[in-house]
Amino acid sequence: MIAAIIACEVGFWVLLAAGLAARYLFRRRRLSTALLWSVPLVDVLLLAIAVADLRGGGEAHLAHGLSAVYLGVSVVLGHRMIRWADRHASHRFAGGPPPPRPPRAGRAHAAHVRRQWLEHFGSYAAAAAILGVFTLLVGDLERTLPLWSVMRPWGVAVVIDFIISISYTFSPRREAPGEAEPDSRIAARRSVDV
């Protein structure tokens, strides 16, 4: 199972890189679209491998749990990773605008960090749902209990992440001197020019 997870992770990035190369280096839009649409098939493949292994009598262990973690993160964050890579490739190879930078301070930063925590929690919930599907498909709770061992340490990480992210709501990060947000610098220049 560990080999399958590694192969699927490599497959994800290879398909993504191939799709972006087809779009921006070779100007093959249809091929690019087909390759980028095939990226989620890697997740389906991993799910099928894990389910087939468990249903075929394979012993449920940590690797199956890790496959659920991988799938949960991919389901929730996969589109964002693809969009991030697409923006960077567009900027680098096609003269597109620079990718937006996340806010570094103030309420905007606090809102950004809260959204990231929601994605983290969504990944956790998706992984738990996938583990639930594994448990139902195997039909033996005792046999699938080892799968759930990955959720406890990850749950602790989700709680710690929540505490840190919510702390910025009550105590927003302050801008460093001379490090104004780009929009505020432009507004300041316009006010001086007028």
N, C-alpha and C. Protein backbone atom coordinates (compact mmCIF):
# COMPACT_ATOMS: atom_id res chain seq x y z
N MET A 1 0.82 -1.20 0.00
CA MET A 1 0.00 0.00 0.00
C MET A 1 0.86 1.26 0.00
N ILE A 2 1.97 1.23 0.74
CA ILE A 2 2.84 2.41 0.76
C ILE A 2 3.34 2.70 -0.65
N ALA A 3 3.71 1.65 -1.37
CA ALA A 3 4.18 1.83 -2.75
C ALA A 3 3.08 2.41 -3.62
N ALA A 4 1.83 1.99 -3.41
CA ALA A 4 0.71 2.52 -4.19
C ALA A 4 0.49 4.00 -3.89
N ILE A 5 0.62 4.38 -2.61
CA ILE A 5 0.45 5.78 -2.22
C ILE A 5 1.53 6.63 -2.88
N ILE A 6 2.78 6.15 -2.82
CA ILE A 6 3.89 6.89 -3.42
C ILE A 6 3.69 7.00 -4.93
N ALA A 7 3.30 5.90 -5.56
CA ALA A 7 3.09 5.91 -7.01
C ALA A 7 1.97 6.88 -7.39
N CYS A 8 0.90 6.92 -6.60
CA CYS A 8 -0.20 7.83 -6.89
C CYS A 8 0.21 9.29 -6.68
N GLU A 9 1.00 9.54 -5.65
CA GLU A 9 1.48 10.91 -5.43
C GLU A 9 2.37 11.35 -6.59
N VAL A 10 3.27 10.48 -7.02
CA VAL A 10 4.12 10.78 -8.17
C VAL A 10 3.26 10.97 -9.41
N GLY A 11 2.27 10.10 -9.60
CA GLY A 11 1.37 10.20 -10.74
C GLY A 11 0.61 11.51 -10.76
N PHE A 12 0.16 11.96 -9.59
CA PHE A 12 -0.54 13.25 -9.47
C PHE A 12 0.33 14.37 -10.03
N TRP A 13 1.58 14.46 -9.56
CA TRP A 13 2.45 15.56 -9.97
C TRP A 13 2.92 15.41 -11.41
N VAL A 14 3.10 14.18 -11.88
CA VAL A 14 3.50 13.97 -13.28
C VAL A 14 2.38 14.41 -14.22
N LEU A 15 1.14 14.00 -13.93
CA LEU A 15 0.02 14.42 -14.77
C LEU A 15 -0.18 15.93 -14.72
N LEU A 16 -0.02 16.50 -13.53
CA LEU A 16 -0.16 17.96 -13.40
C LEU A 16 0.91 18.67 -14.22
N ALA A 17 2.16 18.25 -14.07
CA ALA A 17 3.25 18.88 -14.83
C ALA A 17 3.06 18.69 -16.33
N ALA A 18 2.63 17.49 -16.74
CA ALA A 18 2.41 17.23 -18.16
C ALA A 18 1.28 18.10 -18.70
N GLY A 19 0.22 18.25 -17.92
CA GLY A 19 -0.90 19.09 -18.34
C GLY A 19 -0.49 20.55 -18.49
N LEU A 20 0.29 21.05 -17.54
CA LEU A 20 0.73 22.45 -17.61
C LEU A 20 1.74 22.64 -18.73
N ALA A 21 2.62 21.66 -18.95
CA ALA A 21 3.58 21.76 -20.05
C ALA A 21 2.85 21.76 -21.39
N ALA A 22 1.83 20.90 -21.53
CA ALA A 22 1.06 20.87 -22.77
C ALA A 22 0.37 22.21 -23.01
N ARG A 23 -0.10 22.84 -21.94
CA ARG A 23 -0.81 24.11 -22.08
C ARG A 23 0.12 25.27 -22.38
N TYR A 24 1.19 25.41 -21.62
CA TYR A 24 2.00 26.62 -21.71
C TYR A 24 3.26 26.49 -22.55
N LEU A 25 3.82 25.30 -22.67
CA LEU A 25 5.03 25.14 -23.48
C LEU A 25 4.72 24.72 -24.91
N PHE A 26 3.74 23.80 -25.05
CA PHE A 26 3.45 23.25 -26.37
C PHE A 26 2.17 23.82 -26.99
N ARG A 27 1.44 24.64 -26.21
CA ARG A 27 0.22 25.29 -26.69
C ARG A 27 -0.82 24.28 -27.20
N ARG A 28 -0.93 23.16 -26.50
CA ARG A 28 -1.89 22.11 -26.86
C ARG A 28 -3.01 22.12 -25.82
N ARG A 29 -3.96 22.99 -26.01
CA ARG A 29 -5.01 23.24 -25.02
C ARG A 29 -5.86 21.98 -24.74
N ARG A 30 -6.28 21.28 -25.79
CA ARG A 30 -7.12 20.10 -25.58
C ARG A 30 -6.38 19.00 -24.82
N LEU A 31 -5.13 18.76 -25.22
CA LEU A 31 -4.33 17.76 -24.52
C LEU A 31 -4.14 18.16 -23.06
N SER A 32 -3.88 19.44 -22.84
CA SER A 32 -3.70 19.95 -21.48
C SER A 32 -4.95 19.71 -20.65
N THR A 33 -6.09 20.04 -21.22
CA THR A 33 -7.36 19.85 -20.49
C THR A 33 -7.57 18.38 -20.16
N ALA A 34 -7.30 17.50 -21.12
CA ALA A 34 -7.47 16.07 -20.87
C ALA A 34 -6.54 15.59 -19.76
N LEU A 35 -5.28 16.04 -19.79
CA LEU A 35 -4.33 15.63 -18.75
C LEU A 35 -4.74 16.16 -17.38
N LEU A 36 -5.17 17.42 -17.32
CA LEU A 36 -5.55 17.99 -16.03
C LEU A 36 -6.83 17.35 -15.49
N TRP A 37 -7.75 17.00 -16.38
CA TRP A 37 -8.97 16.32 -15.93
C TRP A 37 -8.67 14.90 -15.46
N SER A 38 -7.57 14.33 -15.92
CA SER A 38 -7.24 12.96 -15.52
C SER A 38 -6.53 12.90 -14.17
N VAL A 39 -6.11 14.03 -13.63
CA VAL A 39 -5.42 14.05 -12.34
C VAL A 39 -6.26 13.38 -11.24
N PRO A 40 -7.57 13.68 -11.12
CA PRO A 40 -8.35 13.01 -10.07
C PRO A 40 -8.47 11.49 -10.25
N LEU A 41 -8.23 11.00 -11.46
CA LEU A 41 -8.30 9.56 -11.67
C LEU A 41 -7.25 8.82 -10.85
N VAL A 42 -6.16 9.52 -10.53
CA VAL A 42 -5.12 8.93 -9.67
C VAL A 42 -5.72 8.60 -8.31
N ASP A 43 -6.57 9.49 -7.80
CA ASP A 43 -7.22 9.25 -6.51
C ASP A 43 -8.18 8.06 -6.60
N VAL A 44 -8.92 7.99 -7.69
CA VAL A 44 -9.85 6.87 -7.88
C VAL A 44 -9.07 5.56 -7.93
N LEU A 45 -7.93 5.58 -8.60
CA LEU A 45 -7.09 4.38 -8.69
C LEU A 45 -6.62 3.94 -7.30
N LEU A 46 -6.15 4.89 -6.49
CA LEU A 46 -5.69 4.55 -5.15
C LEU A 46 -6.83 4.00 -4.30
N LEU A 47 -8.00 4.61 -4.41
CA LEU A 47 -9.16 4.13 -3.68
C LEU A 47 -9.50 2.69 -4.09
N ALA A 48 -9.47 2.44 -5.39
CA ALA A 48 -9.77 1.09 -5.89
C ALA A 48 -8.74 0.08 -5.39
N ILE A 49 -7.47 0.46 -5.38
CA ILE A 49 -6.42 -0.45 -4.91
C ILE A 49 -6.62 -0.78 -3.43
N ALA A 50 -6.90 0.25 -2.64
CA ALA A 50 -7.08 0.04 -1.19
C ALA A 50 -8.30 -0.84 -0.92
N VAL A 51 -9.41 -0.54 -1.59
CA VAL A 51 -10.63 -1.32 -1.38
C VAL A 51 -10.43 -2.76 -1.83
N ALA A 52 -9.80 -2.95 -3.00
CA ALA A 52 -9.57 -4.31 -3.51
C ALA A 52 -8.68 -5.10 -2.54
N ASP A 53 -7.67 -4.44 -2.00
CA ASP A 53 -6.77 -5.11 -1.06
C ASP A 53 -7.52 -5.54 0.20
N LEU A 54 -8.34 -4.64 0.74
CA LEU A 54 -9.08 -4.95 1.96
C LEU A 54 -10.15 -6.01 1.71
N ARG A 55 -10.87 -5.88 0.61
CA ARG A 55 -11.94 -6.85 0.32
C ARG A 55 -11.37 -8.21 -0.04
N GLY A 56 -10.14 -8.21 -0.56
CA GLY A 56 -9.51 -9.47 -0.93
C GLY A 56 -8.88 -10.19 0.24
N GLY A 57 -9.12 -9.68 1.45
CA GLY A 57 -8.60 -10.34 2.64
C GLY A 57 -7.31 -9.76 3.16
N GLY A 58 -6.83 -8.67 2.53
CA GLY A 58 -5.61 -8.03 3.01
C GLY A 58 -5.78 -7.51 4.42
N GLU A 59 -4.72 -7.57 5.17
CA GLU A 59 -4.78 -7.10 6.56
C GLU A 59 -4.82 -5.58 6.59
N ALA A 60 -5.80 -5.05 7.31
CA ALA A 60 -5.93 -3.60 7.44
C ALA A 60 -4.81 -3.09 8.35
N HIS A 61 -4.04 -2.14 7.83
CA HIS A 61 -2.96 -1.59 8.65
C HIS A 61 -2.78 -0.11 8.33
N LEU A 62 -1.77 0.46 8.92
CA LEU A 62 -1.53 1.90 8.84
C LEU A 62 -1.49 2.41 7.40
N ALA A 63 -0.95 1.63 6.48
CA ALA A 63 -0.83 2.08 5.09
C ALA A 63 -2.20 2.36 4.48
N HIS A 64 -3.20 1.54 4.81
CA HIS A 64 -4.55 1.80 4.31
C HIS A 64 -5.08 3.09 4.91
N GLY A 65 -4.80 3.31 6.18
CA GLY A 65 -5.19 4.58 6.82
C GLY A 65 -4.52 5.76 6.16
N LEU A 66 -3.23 5.60 5.83
CA LEU A 66 -2.52 6.69 5.14
C LEU A 66 -3.09 6.95 3.75
N SER A 67 -3.57 5.90 3.10
CA SER A 67 -4.19 6.13 1.79
C SER A 67 -5.45 6.96 1.94
N ALA A 68 -6.20 6.75 3.02
CA ALA A 68 -7.39 7.58 3.28
C ALA A 68 -6.99 9.02 3.56
N VAL A 69 -5.88 9.21 4.29
CA VAL A 69 -5.38 10.57 4.55
C VAL A 69 -5.01 11.24 3.24
N TYR A 70 -4.26 10.53 2.39
CA TYR A 70 -3.87 11.07 1.09
C TYR A 70 -5.10 11.45 0.28
N LEU A 71 -6.09 10.56 0.23
CA LEU A 71 -7.29 10.82 -0.54
C LEU A 71 -8.07 12.00 0.03
N GLY A 72 -8.18 12.08 1.36
CA GLY A 72 -8.90 13.20 1.98
C GLY A 72 -8.27 14.54 1.65
N VAL A 73 -6.94 14.59 1.74
CA VAL A 73 -6.23 15.83 1.42
C VAL A 73 -6.39 16.15 -0.07
N SER A 74 -6.28 15.15 -0.90
CA SER A 74 -6.39 15.36 -2.34
C SER A 74 -7.78 15.83 -2.75
N VAL A 75 -8.81 15.23 -2.15
CA VAL A 75 -10.19 15.62 -2.48
C VAL A 75 -10.43 17.08 -2.12
N VAL A 76 -9.97 17.51 -0.96
CA VAL A 76 -10.25 18.87 -0.50
C VAL A 76 -9.28 19.89 -1.08
N LEU A 77 -8.01 19.54 -1.17
CA LEU A 77 -7.00 20.52 -1.59
C LEU A 77 -6.49 20.34 -3.01
N GLY A 78 -6.87 19.24 -3.67
CA GLY A 78 -6.35 18.98 -5.00
C GLY A 78 -6.62 20.09 -5.99
N HIS A 79 -7.85 20.61 -6.01
CA HIS A 79 -8.18 21.68 -6.96
C HIS A 79 -7.37 22.94 -6.68
N ARG A 80 -7.12 23.20 -5.38
CA ARG A 80 -6.33 24.40 -5.04
C ARG A 80 -4.88 24.24 -5.47
N MET A 81 -4.34 23.02 -5.32
CA MET A 81 -2.96 22.78 -5.76
C MET A 81 -2.84 22.94 -7.27
N ILE A 82 -3.85 22.43 -7.99
CA ILE A 82 -3.83 22.56 -9.45
C ILE A 82 -3.93 24.04 -9.85
N ARG A 83 -4.82 24.78 -9.21
CA ARG A 83 -4.98 26.21 -9.51
C ARG A 83 -3.69 26.97 -9.19
N TRP A 84 -3.05 26.65 -8.06
CA TRP A 84 -1.80 27.30 -7.67
C TRP A 84 -0.72 27.05 -8.74
N ALA A 85 -0.59 25.78 -9.14
CA ALA A 85 0.42 25.44 -10.15
C ALA A 85 0.10 26.11 -11.48
N ASP A 86 -1.18 26.16 -11.85
CA ASP A 86 -1.58 26.79 -13.11
C ASP A 86 -1.25 28.28 -13.10
N ARG A 87 -1.51 28.96 -12.01
CA ARG A 87 -1.20 30.40 -11.94
C ARG A 87 0.30 30.65 -12.06
N HIS A 88 1.09 29.83 -11.39
CA HIS A 88 2.54 30.00 -11.46
C HIS A 88 3.07 29.69 -12.86
N ALA A 89 2.55 28.63 -13.49
CA ALA A 89 2.98 28.29 -14.84
C ALA A 89 2.56 29.37 -15.82
N SER A 90 1.34 29.90 -15.67
CA SER A 90 0.86 30.97 -16.55
C SER A 90 1.75 32.19 -16.43
N HIS A 91 2.12 32.55 -15.22
CA HIS A 91 3.00 33.71 -15.00
C HIS A 91 4.39 33.47 -15.58
N ARG A 92 4.91 32.29 -15.34
CA ARG A 92 6.30 31.98 -15.73
C ARG A 92 6.46 31.78 -17.23
N PHE A 93 5.48 31.09 -17.86
CA PHE A 93 5.66 30.68 -19.25
C PHE A 93 4.75 31.39 -20.25
N ALA A 94 3.69 32.06 -19.77
CA ALA A 94 2.75 32.67 -20.72
C ALA A 94 2.54 34.15 -20.47
N GLY A 95 3.38 34.76 -19.64
CA GLY A 95 3.25 36.20 -19.39
C GLY A 95 2.02 36.59 -18.61
N GLY A 96 1.42 35.64 -17.90
CA GLY A 96 0.25 35.93 -17.09
C GLY A 96 0.61 36.80 -15.89
N PRO A 97 -0.41 37.29 -15.21
CA PRO A 97 -0.14 38.13 -14.03
C PRO A 97 0.51 37.31 -12.92
N PRO A 98 1.28 37.97 -12.07
CA PRO A 98 1.87 37.22 -10.95
C PRO A 98 0.78 36.67 -10.04
N PRO A 99 1.00 35.49 -9.51
CA PRO A 99 -0.01 34.92 -8.60
C PRO A 99 -0.20 35.82 -7.38
N PRO A 100 -1.43 35.94 -6.91
CA PRO A 100 -1.66 36.78 -5.74
C PRO A 100 -0.97 36.19 -4.51
N ARG A 101 -0.44 37.08 -3.71
CA ARG A 101 0.20 36.63 -2.46
C ARG A 101 -0.83 36.69 -1.34
N PRO A 102 -0.76 35.72 -0.44
CA PRO A 102 -1.71 35.77 0.68
C PRO A 102 -1.39 36.96 1.59
N PRO A 103 -2.42 37.51 2.21
CA PRO A 103 -2.18 38.63 3.11
C PRO A 103 -1.27 38.23 4.27
N ARG A 104 -0.42 39.16 4.67
CA ARG A 104 0.56 38.85 5.74
C ARG A 104 0.17 39.40 7.10
N ALA A 105 -0.81 40.28 7.13
CA ALA A 105 -1.15 40.91 8.40
C ALA A 105 -2.62 41.35 8.40
N GLY A 106 -3.07 41.74 9.58
CA GLY A 106 -4.40 42.31 9.74
C GLY A 106 -5.52 41.29 9.65
N ARG A 107 -6.73 41.83 9.49
CA ARG A 107 -7.93 40.98 9.43
C ARG A 107 -7.93 40.08 8.20
N ALA A 108 -7.37 40.58 7.10
CA ALA A 108 -7.32 39.77 5.89
C ALA A 108 -6.47 38.51 6.13
N HIS A 109 -5.36 38.66 6.82
CA HIS A 109 -4.51 37.51 7.16
C HIS A 109 -5.27 36.54 8.06
N ALA A 110 -5.99 37.09 9.05
CA ALA A 110 -6.76 36.24 9.97
C ALA A 110 -7.81 35.44 9.20
N ALA A 111 -8.50 36.08 8.26
CA ALA A 111 -9.52 35.39 7.46
C ALA A 111 -8.87 34.31 6.59
N HIS A 112 -7.72 34.63 6.03
CA HIS A 112 -7.00 33.66 5.19
C HIS A 112 -6.60 32.43 6.00
N VAL A 113 -6.10 32.63 7.20
CA VAL A 113 -5.67 31.51 8.05
C VAL A 113 -6.88 30.69 8.48
N ARG A 114 -8.01 31.35 8.76
CA ARG A 114 -9.23 30.60 9.11
C ARG A 114 -9.70 29.73 7.95
N ARG A 115 -9.63 30.27 6.72
CA ARG A 115 -10.01 29.47 5.54
C ARG A 115 -9.09 28.26 5.38
N GLN A 116 -7.80 28.47 5.64
CA GLN A 116 -6.86 27.35 5.55
C GLN A 116 -7.20 26.28 6.59
N TRP A 117 -7.60 26.72 7.81
CA TRP A 117 -7.97 25.74 8.82
C TRP A 117 -9.21 24.98 8.38
N LEU A 118 -10.19 25.67 7.78
CA LEU A 118 -11.39 24.98 7.31
C LEU A 118 -11.04 23.92 6.27
N GLU A 119 -10.07 24.23 5.40
CA GLU A 119 -9.63 23.23 4.42
C GLU A 119 -8.94 22.06 5.12
N HIS A 120 -8.15 22.36 6.16
CA HIS A 120 -7.49 21.30 6.94
C HIS A 120 -8.54 20.41 7.58
N PHE A 121 -9.54 21.03 8.21
CA PHE A 121 -10.61 20.26 8.84
C PHE A 121 -11.41 19.48 7.80
N GLY A 122 -11.65 20.09 6.63
CA GLY A 122 -12.35 19.39 5.56
C GLY A 122 -11.59 18.16 5.09
N SER A 123 -10.26 18.27 5.02
CA SER A 123 -9.44 17.12 4.65
C SER A 123 -9.57 16.01 5.68
N TYR A 124 -9.56 16.41 6.95
CA TYR A 124 -9.72 15.44 8.04
C TYR A 124 -11.07 14.73 7.95
N ALA A 125 -12.13 15.52 7.72
CA ALA A 125 -13.48 14.95 7.63
C ALA A 125 -13.59 14.03 6.41
N ALA A 126 -12.99 14.44 5.29
CA ALA A 126 -13.04 13.60 4.08
C ALA A 126 -12.30 12.29 4.31
N ALA A 127 -11.16 12.34 4.98
CA ALA A 127 -10.41 11.11 5.29
C ALA A 127 -11.23 10.20 6.20
N ALA A 128 -11.92 10.80 7.19
CA ALA A 128 -12.76 10.00 8.09
C ALA A 128 -13.89 9.34 7.31
N ALA A 129 -14.46 10.06 6.36
CA ALA A 129 -15.54 9.49 5.54
C ALA A 129 -15.00 8.34 4.69
N ILE A 130 -13.81 8.50 4.14
CA ILE A 130 -13.21 7.43 3.33
C ILE A 130 -12.92 6.21 4.19
N LEU A 131 -12.42 6.45 5.41
CA LEU A 131 -12.20 5.32 6.33
C LEU A 131 -13.52 4.64 6.67
N GLY A 132 -14.59 5.42 6.80
CA GLY A 132 -15.92 4.85 7.03
C GLY A 132 -16.34 3.96 5.87
N VAL A 133 -16.06 4.41 4.63
CA VAL A 133 -16.38 3.60 3.45
C VAL A 133 -15.56 2.31 3.47
N PHE A 134 -14.26 2.42 3.80
CA PHE A 134 -13.42 1.22 3.90
C PHE A 134 -14.04 0.25 4.91
N THR A 135 -14.44 0.76 6.06
CA THR A 135 -15.00 -0.08 7.13
C THR A 135 -16.28 -0.77 6.66
N LEU A 136 -17.15 -0.01 5.98
CA LEU A 136 -18.39 -0.60 5.48
C LEU A 136 -18.13 -1.66 4.41
N LEU A 137 -17.19 -1.39 3.52
CA LEU A 137 -16.91 -2.34 2.44
C LEU A 137 -16.29 -3.63 2.96
N VAL A 138 -15.45 -3.50 3.98
CA VAL A 138 -14.85 -4.70 4.56
C VAL A 138 -15.89 -5.44 5.39
N GLY A 139 -16.76 -4.68 6.09
CA GLY A 139 -17.84 -5.29 6.85
C GLY A 139 -17.42 -5.89 8.18
N ASP A 140 -16.24 -5.52 8.66
CA ASP A 140 -15.75 -6.07 9.92
C ASP A 140 -15.05 -4.95 10.68
N LEU A 141 -15.72 -4.39 11.68
CA LEU A 141 -15.18 -3.25 12.41
C LEU A 141 -13.88 -3.59 13.10
N GLU A 142 -13.80 -4.76 13.71
CA GLU A 142 -12.57 -5.13 14.43
C GLU A 142 -11.38 -5.21 13.49
N ARG A 143 -11.62 -5.73 12.29
CA ARG A 143 -10.53 -5.86 11.32
C ARG A 143 -10.05 -4.52 10.80
N THR A 144 -10.93 -3.53 10.81
CA THR A 144 -10.56 -2.21 10.25
C THR A 144 -10.14 -1.19 11.30
N LEU A 145 -10.16 -1.56 12.56
CA LEU A 145 -9.75 -0.61 13.61
C LEU A 145 -8.34 -0.05 13.40
N PRO A 146 -7.37 -0.84 12.94
CA PRO A 146 -6.04 -0.27 12.73
C PRO A 146 -6.02 0.89 11.72
N LEU A 147 -6.98 0.89 10.81
CA LEU A 147 -7.05 1.98 9.84
C LEU A 147 -7.24 3.33 10.53
N TRP A 148 -8.02 3.32 11.58
CA TRP A 148 -8.40 4.56 12.25
C TRP A 148 -7.28 5.15 13.11
N SER A 149 -6.17 4.42 13.27
CA SER A 149 -5.08 4.91 14.13
C SER A 149 -4.47 6.21 13.62
N VAL A 150 -4.59 6.48 12.33
CA VAL A 150 -4.00 7.71 11.78
C VAL A 150 -4.81 8.94 12.18
N MET A 151 -6.06 8.75 12.58
CA MET A 151 -6.92 9.90 12.84
C MET A 151 -6.62 10.59 14.17
N ARG A 152 -6.14 9.85 15.14
CA ARG A 152 -5.90 10.45 16.46
C ARG A 152 -4.80 11.52 16.40
N PRO A 153 -3.59 11.22 15.90
CA PRO A 153 -2.58 12.29 15.86
C PRO A 153 -2.97 13.42 14.91
N TRP A 154 -3.66 13.08 13.83
CA TRP A 154 -4.10 14.13 12.91
C TRP A 154 -5.16 15.00 13.57
N GLY A 155 -6.03 14.39 14.39
CA GLY A 155 -7.04 15.17 15.13
C GLY A 155 -6.39 16.16 16.07
N VAL A 156 -5.31 15.74 16.73
CA VAL A 156 -4.56 16.66 17.61
C VAL A 156 -4.01 17.82 16.78
N ALA A 157 -3.47 17.51 15.60
CA ALA A 157 -2.93 18.57 14.73
C ALA A 157 -4.02 19.53 14.28
N VAL A 158 -5.22 19.01 14.00
CA VAL A 158 -6.35 19.87 13.59
C VAL A 158 -6.74 20.81 14.72
N VAL A 159 -6.76 20.31 15.95
CA VAL A 159 -7.11 21.15 17.11
C VAL A 159 -6.04 22.22 17.33
N ILE A 160 -4.78 21.85 17.26
CA ILE A 160 -3.70 22.84 17.42
C ILE A 160 -3.77 23.89 16.33
N ASP A 161 -4.01 23.45 15.09
CA ASP A 161 -4.14 24.38 13.97
C ASP A 161 -5.31 25.33 14.20
N PHE A 162 -6.42 24.82 14.74
CA PHE A 162 -7.58 25.67 15.03
C PHE A 162 -7.22 26.74 16.05
N ILE A 163 -6.55 26.35 17.13
CA ILE A 163 -6.17 27.30 18.18
C ILE A 163 -5.29 28.40 17.61
N ILE A 164 -4.31 28.01 16.79
CA ILE A 164 -3.41 29.00 16.19
C ILE A 164 -4.18 29.90 15.24
N SER A 165 -5.01 29.31 14.38
CA SER A 165 -5.72 30.12 13.38
C SER A 165 -6.72 31.07 14.02
N ILE A 166 -7.42 30.60 15.05
CA ILE A 166 -8.43 31.47 15.68
C ILE A 166 -7.75 32.57 16.50
N SER A 167 -6.51 32.32 16.95
CA SER A 167 -5.81 33.34 17.73
C SER A 167 -5.58 34.61 16.91
N TYR A 168 -5.41 34.46 15.58
CA TYR A 168 -5.23 35.64 14.73
C TYR A 168 -6.51 36.46 14.62
N THR A 169 -7.66 35.84 14.88
CA THR A 169 -8.92 36.59 14.88
C THR A 169 -8.95 37.56 16.05
N PHE A 170 -8.47 37.10 17.20
CA PHE A 170 -8.50 37.94 18.40
C PHE A 170 -7.28 38.84 18.52
N SER A 171 -6.19 38.43 17.91
CA SER A 171 -4.96 39.23 17.96
C SER A 171 -4.31 39.19 16.58
N PRO A 172 -4.84 40.02 15.65
CA PRO A 172 -4.29 39.98 14.28
C PRO A 172 -2.82 40.33 14.23
N ARG A 173 -2.13 39.70 13.31
CA ARG A 173 -0.72 39.99 13.10
C ARG A 173 -0.60 41.43 12.58
N ARG A 174 0.37 42.14 13.11
CA ARG A 174 0.59 43.53 12.67
C ARG A 174 1.59 43.57 11.54
N GLU A 175 1.41 44.59 10.68
CA GLU A 175 2.36 44.77 9.59
C GLU A 175 3.69 45.23 10.14
N ALA A 176 4.75 44.71 9.55
CA ALA A 176 6.09 45.16 9.93
C ALA A 176 6.27 46.57 9.37
N PRO A 177 7.04 47.41 10.05
CA PRO A 177 7.26 48.77 9.54
C PRO A 177 7.85 48.72 8.13
N GLY A 178 7.27 49.52 7.23
CA GLY A 178 7.75 49.56 5.85
C GLY A 178 7.28 48.39 5.01
N GLU A 179 6.37 47.58 5.55
CA GLU A 179 5.88 46.41 4.82
C GLU A 179 4.38 46.53 4.61
N ALA A 180 3.95 47.63 4.04
CA ALA A 180 2.53 47.84 3.79
C ALA A 180 2.06 46.90 2.69
N GLU A 181 0.78 46.61 2.71
CA GLU A 181 0.20 45.78 1.66
C GLU A 181 0.33 46.50 0.33
N PRO A 182 0.49 45.78 -0.79
CA PRO A 182 0.66 46.43 -2.08
C PRO A 182 -0.45 47.41 -2.41
N ASP A 183 -1.72 47.09 -2.10
CA ASP A 183 -2.83 47.99 -2.41
C ASP A 183 -2.71 49.28 -1.62
N SER A 184 -2.28 49.20 -0.34
CA SER A 184 -2.18 50.41 0.47
C SER A 184 -1.03 51.28 -0.02
N ARG A 185 0.06 50.65 -0.55
CA ARG A 185 1.16 51.45 -1.10
C ARG A 185 0.70 52.20 -2.35
N ILE A 186 -0.08 51.53 -3.20
CA ILE A 186 -0.58 52.19 -4.41
C ILE A 186 -1.50 53.33 -4.03
N ALA A 187 -2.39 53.08 -3.06
CA ALA A 187 -3.30 54.14 -2.62
C ALA A 187 -2.51 55.30 -2.03
N ALA A 188 -1.45 55.02 -1.29
CA ALA A 188 -0.63 56.09 -0.69
C ALA A 188 0.04 56.91 -1.80
N ARG A 189 0.54 56.24 -2.84
CA ARG A 189 1.18 56.96 -3.94
C ARG A 189 0.19 57.84 -4.68
N ARG A 190 -1.03 57.31 -4.90
CA ARG A 190 -2.05 58.11 -5.59
C ARG A 190 -2.42 59.33 -4.79
N SER A 191 -2.51 59.19 -3.46
CA SER A 191 -2.89 60.34 -2.64
C SER A 191 -1.80 61.40 -2.66
N VAL A 192 -0.53 60.96 -2.79
CA VAL A 192 0.58 61.93 -2.86
C VAL A 192 0.58 62.62 -4.21
N ASP A 193 0.26 61.85 -5.30
CA ASP A 193 0.26 62.43 -6.63
C ASP A 193 -0.83 63.46 -6.80
N VAL A 194 -1.95 63.29 -6.11
CA VAL A 194 -3.08 64.22 -6.26
C VAL A 194 -2.79 65.44 -5.50
